[in-house]
N, C-alpha and C. Protein backbone atom coordinates (compact mmCIF):
# COMPACT_ATOMS: atom_id res chain seq x y z
N UNK A 1 133.69 72.43 68.74
CA UNK A 1 132.37 72.70 68.12
C UNK A 1 131.73 71.39 68.16
N UNK A 2 130.17 71.57 67.89
CA UNK A 2 129.42 70.74 67.51
C UNK A 2 129.21 70.24 66.06
N UNK A 3 129.28 69.10 65.89
CA UNK A 3 129.18 68.84 64.35
C UNK A 3 127.92 67.84 64.02
N UNK A 4 127.55 67.68 62.91
CA UNK A 4 126.64 66.69 62.42
C UNK A 4 127.44 65.78 61.36
N UNK A 5 127.36 64.42 61.33
CA UNK A 5 128.02 63.57 60.37
C UNK A 5 126.88 62.82 59.80
N UNK A 6 126.85 62.87 58.45
CA UNK A 6 125.89 62.03 57.67
C UNK A 6 126.60 61.19 56.74
N UNK A 7 126.33 59.88 57.06
CA UNK A 7 126.90 58.71 55.98
C UNK A 7 125.70 58.44 55.18
N UNK A 8 126.24 58.27 53.80
CA UNK A 8 125.14 58.01 52.70
C UNK A 8 125.56 57.13 51.71
N UNK A 9 124.74 56.57 50.84
CA UNK A 9 125.20 55.93 49.80
C UNK A 9 124.40 56.60 48.60
N UNK A 10 125.46 56.48 47.31
CA UNK A 10 125.04 57.35 46.32
C UNK A 10 124.75 56.05 45.02
N UNK A 11 123.73 56.22 44.52
CA UNK A 11 123.21 55.42 43.30
C UNK A 11 123.94 55.81 42.00
N UNK A 12 124.68 55.11 41.49
CA UNK A 12 125.29 55.48 40.32
C UNK A 12 124.54 56.10 39.14
N UNK A 13 123.56 55.29 38.85
CA UNK A 13 122.76 55.63 37.74
C UNK A 13 121.95 57.08 37.59
N UNK A 14 121.64 57.63 38.73
CA UNK A 14 121.20 59.06 38.65
C UNK A 14 121.66 60.08 39.87
N UNK A 15 122.71 59.42 40.49
CA UNK A 15 123.38 60.30 41.46
C UNK A 15 122.36 60.33 42.94
N UNK A 16 121.52 59.69 42.96
CA UNK A 16 120.48 59.58 44.12
C UNK A 16 121.33 59.37 45.47
N UNK A 17 121.06 60.04 46.57
CA UNK A 17 121.80 59.86 47.60
C UNK A 17 120.57 59.22 48.67
N UNK A 18 121.02 58.45 49.51
CA UNK A 18 120.22 57.91 50.83
C UNK A 18 121.01 57.98 51.89
N UNK A 19 120.43 58.66 53.07
CA UNK A 19 121.43 58.70 54.29
C UNK A 19 121.04 57.41 55.21
N UNK A 20 122.20 56.80 55.16
CA UNK A 20 122.25 55.52 55.97
C UNK A 20 122.42 55.54 57.53
N UNK A 21 123.19 56.73 57.88
CA UNK A 21 123.52 56.96 59.26
C UNK A 21 123.79 58.35 59.55
N UNK A 22 123.38 58.84 60.87
CA UNK A 22 123.75 60.26 61.22
C UNK A 22 123.98 60.35 62.60
N UNK A 23 125.11 60.88 62.95
CA UNK A 23 125.60 61.14 64.32
C UNK A 23 125.98 62.40 64.63
N UNK A 24 125.87 62.93 65.95
CA UNK A 24 126.25 64.16 66.34
C UNK A 24 127.56 64.13 67.35
N UNK A 25 128.30 64.99 67.22
CA UNK A 25 129.70 64.83 68.06
C UNK A 25 130.42 66.20 68.29
N UNK A 26 131.24 66.19 69.12
CA UNK A 26 131.99 67.33 69.52
C UNK A 26 133.23 67.10 68.87
N UNK A 27 133.84 68.20 68.18
CA UNK A 27 135.08 68.13 67.53
C UNK A 27 135.75 69.50 67.75
N UNK A 28 137.23 69.19 67.86
CA UNK A 28 138.19 70.49 68.28
C UNK A 28 138.36 71.19 66.70
N UNK A 29 138.31 70.66 65.83
CA UNK A 29 138.37 71.35 64.59
C UNK A 29 137.91 70.67 63.19
N UNK A 30 138.08 70.97 62.11
CA UNK A 30 137.75 69.86 60.92
C UNK A 30 138.58 68.89 60.87
N UNK A 31 139.84 68.79 61.14
CA UNK A 31 140.73 67.64 61.05
C UNK A 31 140.14 66.62 62.11
N UNK A 32 139.83 66.95 63.38
CA UNK A 32 139.34 66.29 64.34
C UNK A 32 137.88 65.56 64.12
N UNK A 33 136.95 66.49 63.37
CA UNK A 33 135.75 66.00 62.87
C UNK A 33 135.84 64.77 61.85
N UNK A 34 136.61 65.00 60.77
CA UNK A 34 137.00 63.90 59.85
C UNK A 34 137.55 62.64 60.40
N UNK A 35 138.28 62.77 61.46
CA UNK A 35 138.90 61.61 62.27
C UNK A 35 137.89 60.79 62.89
N UNK A 36 136.76 61.70 63.53
CA UNK A 36 135.53 61.08 64.33
C UNK A 36 134.81 60.24 63.25
N UNK A 37 134.71 61.12 62.17
CA UNK A 37 133.89 60.43 61.00
C UNK A 37 134.58 59.20 60.45
N UNK A 38 135.64 59.08 60.37
CA UNK A 38 136.36 57.74 59.97
C UNK A 38 136.16 56.59 61.18
N UNK A 39 136.25 57.07 62.25
CA UNK A 39 135.96 56.13 63.36
C UNK A 39 134.69 55.38 63.22
N UNK A 40 133.61 56.52 63.42
CA UNK A 40 132.21 56.05 63.45
C UNK A 40 131.92 55.24 61.96
N UNK A 41 132.59 55.47 60.76
CA UNK A 41 132.40 54.73 59.68
C UNK A 41 132.69 53.16 59.82
N UNK A 42 133.53 52.98 60.58
CA UNK A 42 134.17 51.50 60.95
C UNK A 42 133.17 50.90 62.06
N UNK A 43 132.79 51.58 62.98
CA UNK A 43 132.04 51.17 64.18
C UNK A 43 130.72 51.17 64.18
N UNK A 44 129.89 52.00 63.52
CA UNK A 44 128.51 52.17 63.55
C UNK A 44 127.88 50.96 62.89
N UNK A 45 126.72 50.58 63.58
CA UNK A 45 125.90 49.62 62.47
C UNK A 45 124.99 50.43 61.63
N UNK A 46 125.11 50.24 60.58
CA UNK A 46 124.13 50.79 59.42
C UNK A 46 123.50 49.90 58.50
N UNK A 47 122.51 50.16 57.86
CA UNK A 47 121.70 49.31 57.01
C UNK A 47 122.29 48.94 55.81
N UNK A 48 123.30 49.80 55.45
CA UNK A 48 124.19 49.62 54.33
C UNK A 48 125.39 50.06 54.54
N UNK A 49 126.54 49.72 53.78
CA UNK A 49 127.85 50.32 54.00
C UNK A 49 128.00 51.58 53.35
N UNK A 50 128.23 52.79 53.92
CA UNK A 50 128.04 54.14 53.21
C UNK A 50 129.40 54.30 52.24
N UNK A 51 129.20 54.97 51.22
CA UNK A 51 130.23 55.33 50.23
C UNK A 51 130.59 56.82 50.41
N UNK A 52 129.91 57.49 51.21
CA UNK A 52 130.44 58.84 51.36
C UNK A 52 130.01 59.60 52.58
N UNK A 53 130.58 60.63 52.76
CA UNK A 53 129.96 61.22 54.13
C UNK A 53 129.96 62.95 54.05
N UNK A 54 129.11 63.34 54.78
CA UNK A 54 128.83 64.92 54.98
C UNK A 54 129.14 65.35 56.20
N UNK A 55 129.94 66.23 56.51
CA UNK A 55 130.00 66.74 57.80
C UNK A 55 129.73 68.26 58.10
N UNK A 56 128.70 68.61 58.86
CA UNK A 56 128.13 69.93 58.98
C UNK A 56 128.56 70.41 60.30
N UNK A 57 128.41 71.78 60.38
CA UNK A 57 128.49 72.37 61.78
C UNK A 57 127.05 72.52 62.35
N UNK A 58 127.20 72.99 63.45
CA UNK A 58 125.74 72.97 64.33
C UNK A 58 124.90 73.90 63.43
N UNK A 59 125.40 75.08 62.81
CA UNK A 59 124.74 76.10 62.05
C UNK A 59 124.05 75.44 60.61
N UNK A 60 124.65 74.33 60.46
CA UNK A 60 124.44 73.67 58.97
C UNK A 60 125.29 73.92 58.02
N UNK A 61 126.28 74.61 58.16
CA UNK A 61 127.33 75.10 57.01
C UNK A 61 128.28 73.73 56.93
N UNK A 62 128.40 73.42 55.49
CA UNK A 62 129.32 72.29 55.40
C UNK A 62 130.67 72.28 55.57
N UNK A 63 131.37 71.22 56.35
CA UNK A 63 132.57 71.49 56.58
C UNK A 63 133.57 70.60 55.88
N UNK A 64 132.88 69.40 55.51
CA UNK A 64 133.60 68.74 54.61
C UNK A 64 132.60 67.50 53.84
N UNK A 65 133.08 67.23 52.78
CA UNK A 65 132.16 66.33 51.95
C UNK A 65 133.22 65.40 51.04
N UNK A 66 133.23 64.11 51.26
CA UNK A 66 134.15 63.24 50.53
C UNK A 66 133.43 61.48 50.48
N UNK A 67 134.13 61.03 49.49
CA UNK A 67 133.83 59.67 49.37
C UNK A 67 134.84 58.74 50.31
N UNK A 68 134.16 57.72 50.58
CA UNK A 68 134.75 56.67 51.73
C UNK A 68 135.46 55.71 50.77
N UNK A 69 136.70 55.81 50.80
CA UNK A 69 137.40 54.43 49.93
C UNK A 69 137.54 53.28 50.86
N UNK A 70 136.92 52.30 50.28
CA UNK A 70 136.98 50.75 51.12
C UNK A 70 138.44 50.70 51.72
N UNK A 71 138.61 50.69 53.09
CA UNK A 71 140.00 50.27 53.47
C UNK A 71 141.26 51.14 53.28
N UNK A 72 140.80 51.96 52.25
CA UNK A 72 142.33 52.76 51.84
C UNK A 72 142.22 54.40 52.29
N UNK A 73 141.27 54.62 53.30
CA UNK A 73 141.44 56.10 53.54
C UNK A 73 140.34 56.77 52.82
N UNK A 74 140.27 58.08 52.81
CA UNK A 74 139.26 58.92 52.05
C UNK A 74 139.82 59.96 51.17
N UNK A 75 138.95 60.35 50.16
CA UNK A 75 139.58 61.29 49.49
C UNK A 75 139.89 62.61 49.92
N UNK A 76 140.34 63.55 49.59
CA UNK A 76 140.69 64.83 50.22
C UNK A 76 139.31 65.67 50.28
N UNK A 77 139.28 66.66 51.30
CA UNK A 77 138.16 67.69 51.40
C UNK A 77 137.73 68.39 50.08
N UNK A 78 136.42 68.40 50.08
CA UNK A 78 135.92 69.30 48.93
C UNK A 78 135.22 70.33 49.42
N UNK A 79 135.48 71.02 50.50
CA UNK A 79 134.94 72.08 51.11
C UNK A 79 135.87 73.24 50.83
């Protein structure tokens, strides 16, 4: 399936979000999409270090949203 991965920063004061990176990819399933996002989070050059990720399908439906914990993995899916 085709997926869109958005990496973003969240401002604590007002929960404002800014997208700092966006990539499209092909994934076999949601778990594969999460693994691709994990890899990209560490290899993409982005203007800021993202603190969260949103993965959507080609139709725009949310597949996964979660925080990126620095070097310790991610929180579980919220979808």
